[in-house]
Structure formats: structure tokens, C-alpha cells
Amino acid sequence: VENFRNTLPLGNEEPMQYITKMALKLYDGLQPLHG
């Protein structure tokens, strides 16, 4: 995934990194319920 993304002309990576971090935090926080 990292290699593919780095071949693309996408520019600023910070929004993607923020979305990824927050989504995984939400997923992990809900883990006891969704299993």
C-alpha cells in the first residue's frame, strides 16, 4: 500500500494519516461490541 501510494501525485499526506489514525482508534474502541 505504501509503495503504491508513493507512486501517485497526491501531495499532502497529513489528511490521509489523520483519517487513518482516527478510524483505527474508533474501530479499536468499538472492538468489544463488534467483535
PDB file of all heavy atoms in Angstrom:
ATOM      1  N   VAL A   1       0.843  -1.205   0.000  1.00  0.00           N
ATOM      2  CA  VAL A   1       0.000   0.000   0.000  1.00  0.00           C
ATOM      3  C   VAL A   1       0.876   1.253   0.000  1.00  0.00           C
ATOM      4  O   VAL A   1       0.635   2.196  -0.756  1.00  0.00           O
ATOM      5  CB  VAL A   1      -0.943   0.001   1.218  1.00  0.00           C
ATOM      6  CG1 VAL A   1      -1.645   1.352   1.362  1.00  0.00           C
ATOM      7  CG2 VAL A   1      -1.964  -1.119   1.096  1.00  0.00           C
ATOM      8  N   GLU A   2       1.891   1.253   0.846  1.00  0.00           N
ATOM      9  CA  GLU A   2       2.779   2.416   0.926  1.00  0.00           C
ATOM     10  C   GLU A   2       3.507   2.642  -0.394  1.00  0.00           C
ATOM     11  O   GLU A   2       3.624   3.777  -0.875  1.00  0.00           O
ATOM     12  CB  GLU A   2       3.788   2.219   2.055  1.00  0.00           C
ATOM     13  CG  GLU A   2       4.750   3.376   2.230  1.00  0.00           C
ATOM     14  CD  GLU A   2       5.742   3.153   3.356  1.00  0.00           C
ATOM     15  OE1 GLU A   2       5.654   2.115   4.038  1.00  0.00           O
ATOM     16  OE2 GLU A   2       6.621   4.018   3.550  1.00  0.00           O
ATOM     17  N   ASN A   3       3.991   1.558  -0.999  1.00  0.00           N
ATOM     18  CA  ASN A   3       4.706   1.697  -2.264  1.00  0.00           C
ATOM     19  C   ASN A   3       3.786   2.243  -3.350  1.00  0.00           C
ATOM     20  O   ASN A   3       4.152   3.164  -4.087  1.00  0.00           O
ATOM     21  CB  ASN A   3       5.274   0.350  -2.706  1.00  0.00           C
ATOM     22  CG  ASN A   3       6.009   0.450  -4.026  1.00  0.00           C
ATOM     23  OD1 ASN A   3       7.126   0.936  -4.099  1.00  0.00           O
ATOM     24  ND2 ASN A   3       5.365   0.006  -5.101  1.00  0.00           N
ATOM     25  N   PHE A   4       2.572   1.683  -3.445  1.00  0.00           N
ATOM     26  CA  PHE A   4       1.636   2.155  -4.473  1.00  0.00           C
ATOM     27  C   PHE A   4       1.302   3.623  -4.269  1.00  0.00           C
ATOM     28  O   PHE A   4       1.312   4.412  -5.221  1.00  0.00           O
ATOM     29  CB  PHE A   4       0.366   1.307  -4.458  1.00  0.00           C
ATOM     30  CG  PHE A   4      -0.680   1.792  -5.419  1.00  0.00           C
ATOM     31  CD1 PHE A   4      -0.456   1.784  -6.787  1.00  0.00           C
ATOM     32  CD2 PHE A   4      -1.892   2.287  -4.956  1.00  0.00           C
ATOM     33  CE1 PHE A   4      -1.416   2.246  -7.675  1.00  0.00           C
ATOM     34  CE2 PHE A   4      -2.859   2.755  -5.837  1.00  0.00           C
ATOM     35  CZ  PHE A   4      -2.608   2.729  -7.203  1.00  0.00           C
ATOM     36  N   ARG A   5       1.001   4.000  -3.044  1.00  0.00           N
ATOM     37  CA  ARG A   5       0.656   5.394  -2.779  1.00  0.00           C
ATOM     38  C   ARG A   5       1.797   6.328  -3.147  1.00  0.00           C
ATOM     39  O   ARG A   5       1.582   7.421  -3.674  1.00  0.00           O
ATOM     40  CB  ARG A   5       0.266   5.559  -1.307  1.00  0.00           C
ATOM     41  CG  ARG A   5      -0.260   6.957  -1.008  1.00  0.00           C
ATOM     42  CD  ARG A   5      -0.761   7.123   0.414  1.00  0.00           C
ATOM     43  NE  ARG A   5      -1.246   8.488   0.561  1.00  0.00           N
ATOM     44  CZ  ARG A   5      -2.494   8.881   0.357  1.00  0.00           C
ATOM     45  NH1 ARG A   5      -3.405   7.985   0.027  1.00  0.00           N
ATOM     46  NH2 ARG A   5      -2.845  10.145   0.480  1.00  0.00           N
ATOM     47  N   ASN A   6       3.023   5.895  -2.893  1.00  0.00           N
ATOM     48  CA  ASN A   6       4.177   6.747  -3.164  1.00  0.00           C
ATOM     49  C   ASN A   6       4.487   6.910  -4.646  1.00  0.00           C
ATOM     50  O   ASN A   6       5.320   7.730  -5.015  1.00  0.00           O
ATOM     51  CB  ASN A   6       5.414   6.217  -2.430  1.00  0.00           C
ATOM     52  CG  ASN A   6       5.362   6.485  -0.945  1.00  0.00           C
ATOM     53  OD1 ASN A   6       4.625   7.357  -0.483  1.00  0.00           O
ATOM     54  ND2 ASN A   6       6.134   5.725  -0.180  1.00  0.00           N
ATOM     55  N   THR A   7       3.820   6.121  -5.481  1.00  0.00           N
ATOM     56  CA  THR A   7       3.992   6.307  -6.929  1.00  0.00           C
ATOM     57  C   THR A   7       3.001   7.323  -7.492  1.00  0.00           C
ATOM     58  O   THR A   7       3.074   7.656  -8.677  1.00  0.00           O
ATOM     59  CB  THR A   7       3.803   4.980  -7.695  1.00  0.00           C
ATOM     60  OG1 THR A   7       2.449   4.520  -7.521  1.00  0.00           O
ATOM     61  CG2 THR A   7       4.773   3.912  -7.200  1.00  0.00           C
ATOM     62  N   LEU A   8       2.077   7.814  -6.661  1.00  0.00           N
ATOM     63  CA  LEU A   8       0.993   8.675  -7.140  1.00  0.00           C
ATOM     64  C   LEU A   8       1.253  10.151  -6.796  1.00  0.00           C
ATOM     65  O   LEU A   8       1.828  10.449  -5.750  1.00  0.00           O
ATOM     66  CB  LEU A   8      -0.344   8.245  -6.513  1.00  0.00           C
ATOM     67  CG  LEU A   8      -0.737   6.784  -6.732  1.00  0.00           C
ATOM     68  CD1 LEU A   8      -2.025   6.476  -5.977  1.00  0.00           C
ATOM     69  CD2 LEU A   8      -0.886   6.461  -8.208  1.00  0.00           C
ATOM     70  N   PRO A   9       0.778  11.063  -7.641  1.00  0.00           N
ATOM     71  CA  PRO A   9       0.965  12.501  -7.407  1.00  0.00           C
ATOM     72  C   PRO A   9      -0.124  13.062  -6.489  1.00  0.00           C
ATOM     73  O   PRO A   9      -1.016  13.792  -6.924  1.00  0.00           O
ATOM     74  CB  PRO A   9       0.860  13.088  -8.820  1.00  0.00           C
ATOM     75  CG  PRO A   9      -0.097  12.171  -9.520  1.00  0.00           C
ATOM     76  CD  PRO A   9       0.160  10.801  -8.963  1.00  0.00           C
ATOM     77  N   LEU A  10      -0.040  12.750  -5.181  1.00  0.00           N
ATOM     78  CA  LEU A  10      -1.125  13.099  -4.273  1.00  0.00           C
ATOM     79  C   LEU A  10      -0.829  14.307  -3.387  1.00  0.00           C
ATOM     80  O   LEU A  10      -1.746  14.904  -2.838  1.00  0.00           O
ATOM     81  CB  LEU A  10      -1.460  11.893  -3.384  1.00  0.00           C
ATOM     82  CG  LEU A  10      -2.060  10.702  -4.135  1.00  0.00           C
ATOM     83  CD1 LEU A  10      -2.140   9.497  -3.225  1.00  0.00           C
ATOM     84  CD2 LEU A  10      -3.441  11.057  -4.666  1.00  0.00           C
ATOM     85  N   GLY A  11       0.416  14.655  -3.206  1.00  0.00           N
ATOM     86  CA  GLY A  11       0.725  15.842  -2.407  1.00  0.00           C
ATOM     87  C   GLY A  11       0.622  15.587  -0.914  1.00  0.00           C
ATOM     88  O   GLY A  11       1.131  14.595  -0.391  1.00  0.00           O
ATOM     89  N   ASN A  12      -0.066  16.473  -0.187  1.00  0.00           N
ATOM     90  CA  ASN A  12      -0.126  16.473   1.273  1.00  0.00           C
ATOM     91  C   ASN A  12      -0.654  15.142   1.822  1.00  0.00           C
ATOM     92  O   ASN A  12      -1.769  14.721   1.522  1.00  0.00           O
ATOM     93  CB  ASN A  12      -1.008  17.627   1.747  1.00  0.00           C
ATOM     94  CG  ASN A  12      -1.027  17.759   3.255  1.00  0.00           C
ATOM     95  OD1 ASN A  12      -0.225  17.148   3.957  1.00  0.00           O
ATOM     96  ND2 ASN A  12      -1.949  18.556   3.762  1.00  0.00           N
ATOM     97  N   GLU A  13       0.138  14.500   2.665  1.00  0.00           N
ATOM     98  CA  GLU A  13      -0.235  13.206   3.234  1.00  0.00           C
ATOM     99  C   GLU A  13      -0.942  13.333   4.578  1.00  0.00           C
ATOM    100  O   GLU A  13      -1.514  12.359   5.068  1.00  0.00           O
ATOM    101  CB  GLU A  13       1.029  12.346   3.429  1.00  0.00           C
ATOM    102  CG  GLU A  13       1.717  11.940   2.141  1.00  0.00           C
ATOM    103  CD  GLU A  13       0.948  10.854   1.427  1.00  0.00           C
ATOM    104  OE1 GLU A  13       1.039   9.689   1.832  1.00  0.00           O
ATOM    105  OE2 GLU A  13       0.227  11.179   0.464  1.00  0.00           O
ATOM    106  N   GLU A  14      -0.917  14.505   5.204  1.00  0.00           N
ATOM    107  CA  GLU A  14      -1.427  14.638   6.565  1.00  0.00           C
ATOM    108  C   GLU A  14      -2.917  14.297   6.701  1.00  0.00           C
ATOM    109  O   GLU A  14      -3.305  13.629   7.669  1.00  0.00           O
ATOM    110  CB  GLU A  14      -1.149  16.041   7.097  1.00  0.00           C
ATOM    111  CG  GLU A  14       0.328  16.281   7.357  1.00  0.00           C
ATOM    112  CD  GLU A  14       0.604  17.655   7.939  1.00  0.00           C
ATOM    113  OE1 GLU A  14      -0.363  18.397   8.206  1.00  0.00           O
ATOM    114  OE2 GLU A  14       1.793  17.985   8.130  1.00  0.00           O
ATOM    115  N   PRO A  15      -3.809  14.742   5.776  1.00  0.00           N
ATOM    116  CA  PRO A  15      -5.221  14.350   5.924  1.00  0.00           C
ATOM    117  C   PRO A  15      -5.414  12.840   5.925  1.00  0.00           C
ATOM    118  O   PRO A  15      -6.198  12.304   6.724  1.00  0.00           O
ATOM    119  CB  PRO A  15      -5.890  15.009   4.714  1.00  0.00           C
ATOM    120  CG  PRO A  15      -5.016  16.179   4.395  1.00  0.00           C
ATOM    121  CD  PRO A  15      -3.634  15.713   4.670  1.00  0.00           C
ATOM    122  N   MET A  16      -4.707  12.119   5.021  1.00  0.00           N
ATOM    123  CA  MET A  16      -4.830  10.655   4.991  1.00  0.00           C
ATOM    124  C   MET A  16      -4.354  10.046   6.305  1.00  0.00           C
ATOM    125  O   MET A  16      -4.998   9.138   6.861  1.00  0.00           O
ATOM    126  CB  MET A  16      -4.018  10.088   3.820  1.00  0.00           C
ATOM    127  CG  MET A  16      -4.019   8.569   3.726  1.00  0.00           C
ATOM    128  SD  MET A  16      -2.770   7.744   4.785  1.00  0.00           S
ATOM    129  CE  MET A  16      -1.264   8.262   3.999  1.00  0.00           C
ATOM    130  N   GLN A  17      -3.238  10.530   6.829  1.00  0.00           N
ATOM    131  CA  GLN A  17      -2.704   9.977   8.075  1.00  0.00           C
ATOM    132  C   GLN A  17      -3.653  10.226   9.245  1.00  0.00           C
ATOM    133  O   GLN A  17      -3.847   9.357  10.107  1.00  0.00           O
ATOM    134  CB  GLN A  17      -1.327  10.578   8.341  1.00  0.00           C
ATOM    135  CG  GLN A  17      -0.281  10.150   7.324  1.00  0.00           C
ATOM    136  CD  GLN A  17       1.003  10.958   7.404  1.00  0.00           C
ATOM    137  OE1 GLN A  17       1.095  11.922   8.165  1.00  0.00           O
ATOM    138  NE2 GLN A  17       2.003  10.576   6.619  1.00  0.00           N
ATOM    139  N   TYR A  18      -4.273  11.395   9.266  1.00  0.00           N
ATOM    140  CA  TYR A  18      -5.228  11.728  10.317  1.00  0.00           C
ATOM    141  C   TYR A  18      -6.457  10.824  10.237  1.00  0.00           C
ATOM    142  O   TYR A  18      -6.898  10.267  11.253  1.00  0.00           O
ATOM    143  CB  TYR A  18      -5.631  13.197  10.182  1.00  0.00           C
ATOM    144  CG  TYR A  18      -6.721  13.641  11.123  1.00  0.00           C
ATOM    145  CD1 TYR A  18      -6.440  13.969  12.446  1.00  0.00           C
ATOM    146  CD2 TYR A  18      -8.046  13.736  10.689  1.00  0.00           C
ATOM    147  CE1 TYR A  18      -7.443  14.384  13.315  1.00  0.00           C
ATOM    148  CE2 TYR A  18      -9.059  14.148  11.547  1.00  0.00           C
ATOM    149  CZ  TYR A  18      -8.751  14.470  12.856  1.00  0.00           C
ATOM    150  OH  TYR A  18      -9.748  14.884  13.706  1.00  0.00           O
ATOM    151  N   ILE A  19      -7.013  10.680   9.039  1.00  0.00           N
ATOM    152  CA  ILE A  19      -8.191   9.827   8.849  1.00  0.00           C
ATOM    153  C   ILE A  19      -7.878   8.393   9.276  1.00  0.00           C
ATOM    154  O   ILE A  19      -8.667   7.736   9.962  1.00  0.00           O
ATOM    155  CB  ILE A  19      -8.656   9.856   7.376  1.00  0.00           C
ATOM    156  CG1 ILE A  19      -9.157  11.245   6.984  1.00  0.00           C
ATOM    157  CG2 ILE A  19      -9.716   8.791   7.115  1.00  0.00           C
ATOM    158  CD1 ILE A  19     -10.377  11.695   7.728  1.00  0.00           C
ATOM    159  N   THR A  20      -6.714   7.886   8.871  1.00  0.00           N
ATOM    160  CA  THR A  20      -6.340   6.518   9.216  1.00  0.00           C
ATOM    161  C   THR A  20      -6.214   6.339  10.721  1.00  0.00           C
ATOM    162  O   THR A  20      -6.746   5.383  11.299  1.00  0.00           O
ATOM    163  CB  THR A  20      -5.015   6.143   8.528  1.00  0.00           C
ATOM    164  OG1 THR A  20      -5.139   6.317   7.110  1.00  0.00           O
ATOM    165  CG2 THR A  20      -4.640   4.699   8.827  1.00  0.00           C
ATOM    166  N   LYS A  21      -5.525   7.266  11.380  1.00  0.00           N
ATOM    167  CA  LYS A  21      -5.335   7.180  12.827  1.00  0.00           C
ATOM    168  C   LYS A  21      -6.676   7.199  13.558  1.00  0.00           C
ATOM    169  O   LYS A  21      -6.935   6.375  14.435  1.00  0.00           O
ATOM    170  CB  LYS A  21      -4.468   8.350  13.297  1.00  0.00           C
ATOM    171  CG  LYS A  21      -4.243   8.393  14.808  1.00  0.00           C
ATOM    172  CD  LYS A  21      -3.417   9.601  15.202  1.00  0.00           C
ATOM    173  CE  LYS A  21      -4.212  10.893  15.042  1.00  0.00           C
ATOM    174  NZ  LYS A  21      -3.470  12.081  15.566  1.00  0.00           N
ATOM    175  N   MET A  22      -7.556   8.131  13.196  1.00  0.00           N
ATOM    176  CA  MET A  22      -8.841   8.262  13.876  1.00  0.00           C
ATOM    177  C   MET A  22      -9.756   7.057  13.595  1.00  0.00           C
ATOM    178  O   MET A  22     -10.464   6.582  14.491  1.00  0.00           O
ATOM    179  CB  MET A  22      -9.534   9.556  13.446  1.00  0.00           C
ATOM    180  CG  MET A  22      -8.923  10.807  14.046  1.00  0.00           C
ATOM    181  SD  MET A  22      -9.105  10.794  15.844  1.00  0.00           S
ATOM    182  CE  MET A  22      -8.649  12.477  16.258  1.00  0.00           C
ATOM    183  N   ALA A  23      -9.777   6.581  12.370  1.00  0.00           N
ATOM    184  CA  ALA A  23     -10.632   5.442  12.027  1.00  0.00           C
ATOM    185  C   ALA A  23     -10.222   4.198  12.806  1.00  0.00           C
ATOM    186  O   ALA A  23     -11.074   3.439  13.295  1.00  0.00           O
ATOM    187  CB  ALA A  23     -10.594   5.174  10.530  1.00  0.00           C
ATOM    188  N   LEU A  24      -8.918   3.967  12.942  1.00  0.00           N
ATOM    189  CA  LEU A  24      -8.452   2.791  13.677  1.00  0.00           C
ATOM    190  C   LEU A  24      -8.719   2.941  15.176  1.00  0.00           C
ATOM    191  O   LEU A  24      -9.008   1.949  15.865  1.00  0.00           O
ATOM    192  CB  LEU A  24      -6.965   2.560  13.402  1.00  0.00           C
ATOM    193  CG  LEU A  24      -6.629   2.182  11.953  1.00  0.00           C
ATOM    194  CD1 LEU A  24      -5.128   1.967  11.787  1.00  0.00           C
ATOM    195  CD2 LEU A  24      -7.394   0.942  11.501  1.00  0.00           C
ATOM    196  N   LYS A  25      -8.624   4.173  15.692  1.00  0.00           N
ATOM    197  CA  LYS A  25      -8.980   4.403  17.098  1.00  0.00           C
ATOM    198  C   LYS A  25     -10.451   4.092  17.344  1.00  0.00           C
ATOM    199  O   LYS A  25     -10.823   3.476  18.345  1.00  0.00           O
ATOM    200  CB  LYS A  25      -8.696   5.858  17.478  1.00  0.00           C
ATOM    201  CG  LYS A  25      -7.270   6.144  17.906  1.00  0.00           C
ATOM    202  CD  LYS A  25      -7.164   7.549  18.489  1.00  0.00           C
ATOM    203  CE  LYS A  25      -5.776   7.796  19.059  1.00  0.00           C
ATOM    204  NZ  LYS A  25      -5.678   9.127  19.697  1.00  0.00           N
ATOM    205  N   LEU A  26     -11.300   4.527  16.420  1.00  0.00           N
ATOM    206  CA  LEU A  26     -12.726   4.258  16.543  1.00  0.00           C
ATOM    207  C   LEU A  26     -13.001   2.761  16.456  1.00  0.00           C
ATOM    208  O   LEU A  26     -13.764   2.203  17.249  1.00  0.00           O
ATOM    209  CB  LEU A  26     -13.493   5.022  15.457  1.00  0.00           C
ATOM    210  CG  LEU A  26     -15.012   4.843  15.410  1.00  0.00           C
ATOM    211  CD1 LEU A  26     -15.652   5.173  16.744  1.00  0.00           C
ATOM    212  CD2 LEU A  26     -15.606   5.703  14.300  1.00  0.00           C
ATOM    213  N   TYR A  27     -12.380   2.106  15.493  1.00  0.00           N
ATOM    214  CA  TYR A  27     -12.539   0.655  15.330  1.00  0.00           C
ATOM    215  C   TYR A  27     -12.120  -0.071  16.609  1.00  0.00           C
ATOM    216  O   TYR A  27     -12.835  -0.949  17.107  1.00  0.00           O
ATOM    217  CB  TYR A  27     -11.692   0.182  14.149  1.00  0.00           C
ATOM    218  CG  TYR A  27     -11.696  -1.310  13.906  1.00  0.00           C
ATOM    219  CD1 TYR A  27     -12.541  -1.884  12.970  1.00  0.00           C
ATOM    220  CD2 TYR A  27     -10.841  -2.161  14.619  1.00  0.00           C
ATOM    221  CE1 TYR A  27     -12.546  -3.252  12.744  1.00  0.00           C
ATOM    222  CE2 TYR A  27     -10.842  -3.520  14.410  1.00  0.00           C
ATOM    223  CZ  TYR A  27     -11.690  -4.066  13.465  1.00  0.00           C
ATOM    224  OH  TYR A  27     -11.702  -5.426  13.248  1.00  0.00           O
ATOM    225  N   ASP A  28     -10.936   0.281  17.129  1.00  0.00           N
ATOM    226  CA  ASP A  28     -10.423  -0.391  18.323  1.00  0.00           C
ATOM    227  C   ASP A  28     -11.307  -0.120  19.530  1.00  0.00           C
ATOM    228  O   ASP A  28     -11.532  -1.004  20.369  1.00  0.00           O
ATOM    229  CB  ASP A  28      -8.990   0.074  18.611  1.00  0.00           C
ATOM    230  CG  ASP A  28      -7.992  -0.386  17.559  1.00  0.00           C
ATOM    231  OD1 ASP A  28      -8.313  -1.338  16.824  1.00  0.00           O
ATOM    232  OD2 ASP A  28      -6.908   0.220  17.463  1.00  0.00           O
ATOM    233  N   GLY A  29     -11.820   1.113  19.647  1.00  0.00           N
ATOM    234  CA  GLY A  29     -12.691   1.442  20.768  1.00  0.00           C
ATOM    235  C   GLY A  29     -13.985   0.655  20.755  1.00  0.00           C
ATOM    236  O   GLY A  29     -14.543   0.322  21.810  1.00  0.00           O
ATOM    237  N   LEU A  30     -14.473   0.322  19.562  1.00  0.00           N
ATOM    238  CA  LEU A  30     -15.719  -0.428  19.430  1.00  0.00           C
ATOM    239  C   LEU A  30     -15.509  -1.941  19.393  1.00  0.00           C
ATOM    240  O   LEU A  30     -16.484  -2.704  19.302  1.00  0.00           O
ATOM    241  CB  LEU A  30     -16.456   0.009  18.154  1.00  0.00           C
ATOM    242  CG  LEU A  30     -16.960   1.461  18.123  1.00  0.00           C
ATOM    243  CD1 LEU A  30     -17.504   1.794  16.733  1.00  0.00           C
ATOM    244  CD2 LEU A  30     -18.043   1.680  19.177  1.00  0.00           C
ATOM    245  N   GLN A  31     -14.268  -2.395  19.453  1.00  0.00           N
ATOM    246  CA  GLN A  31     -13.957  -3.819  19.330  1.00  0.00           C
ATOM    247  C   GLN A  31     -14.744  -4.705  20.291  1.00  0.00           C
ATOM    248  O   GLN A  31     -15.268  -5.762  19.883  1.00  0.00           O
ATOM    249  CB  GLN A  31     -12.451  -4.045  19.531  1.00  0.00           C
ATOM    250  CG  GLN A  31     -12.004  -5.502  19.513  1.00  0.00           C
ATOM    251  CD  GLN A  31     -12.140  -6.158  18.150  1.00  0.00           C
ATOM    252  OE1 GLN A  31     -11.785  -5.565  17.148  1.00  0.00           O
ATOM    253  NE2 GLN A  31     -12.645  -7.380  18.109  1.00  0.00           N
ATOM    254  N   PRO A  32     -14.918  -4.332  21.561  1.00  0.00           N
ATOM    255  CA  PRO A  32     -15.683  -5.210  22.459  1.00  0.00           C
ATOM    256  C   PRO A  32     -17.126  -5.421  22.001  1.00  0.00           C
ATOM    257  O   PRO A  32     -17.727  -6.447  22.321  1.00  0.00           O
ATOM    258  CB  PRO A  32     -15.636  -4.455  23.803  1.00  0.00           C
ATOM    259  CG  PRO A  32     -14.408  -3.607  23.730  1.00  0.00           C
ATOM    260  CD  PRO A  32     -14.331  -3.176  22.288  1.00  0.00           C
ATOM    261  N   LEU A  33     -17.655  -4.457  21.229  1.00  0.00           N
ATOM    262  CA  LEU A  33     -19.038  -4.573  20.772  1.00  0.00           C
ATOM    263  C   LEU A  33     -19.151  -5.257  19.419  1.00  0.00           C
ATOM    264  O   LEU A  33     -20.030  -6.110  19.216  1.00  0.00           O
ATOM    265  CB  LEU A  33     -19.688  -3.184  20.715  1.00  0.00           C
ATOM    266  CG  LEU A  33     -20.064  -2.567  22.065  1.00  0.00           C
ATOM    267  CD1 LEU A  33     -20.478  -1.117  21.882  1.00  0.00           C
ATOM    268  CD2 LEU A  33     -21.203  -3.355  22.711  1.00  0.00           C
ATOM    269  N   HIS A  34     -18.289  -4.890  18.468  1.00  0.00           N
ATOM    270  CA  HIS A  34     -18.437  -5.508  17.139  1.00  0.00           C
ATOM    271  C   HIS A  34     -17.736  -6.866  17.050  1.00  0.00           C
ATOM    272  O   HIS A  34     -18.153  -7.730  16.300  1.00  0.00           O
ATOM    273  CB  HIS A  34     -17.987  -4.569  16.022  1.00  0.00           C
ATOM    274  CG  HIS A  34     -16.557  -4.119  16.056  1.00  0.00           C
ATOM    275  ND1 HIS A  34     -15.485  -4.990  16.006  1.00  0.00           N
ATOM    276  CD2 HIS A  34     -16.017  -2.872  16.099  1.00  0.00           C
ATOM    277  CE1 HIS A  34     -14.350  -4.308  16.012  1.00  0.00           C
ATOM    278  NE2 HIS A  34     -14.639  -3.026  16.092  1.00  0.00           N
ATOM    279  N   GLY A  35     -16.667  -7.074  17.812  1.00  0.00           N
ATOM    280  CA  GLY A  35     -16.006  -8.382  17.856  1.00  0.00           C
ATOM    281  C   GLY A  35     -15.449  -8.865  16.537  1.00  0.00           C
ATOM    282  O   GLY A  35     -15.350 -10.072  16.295  1.00  0.00           O
TER     283      GLY A  35
END
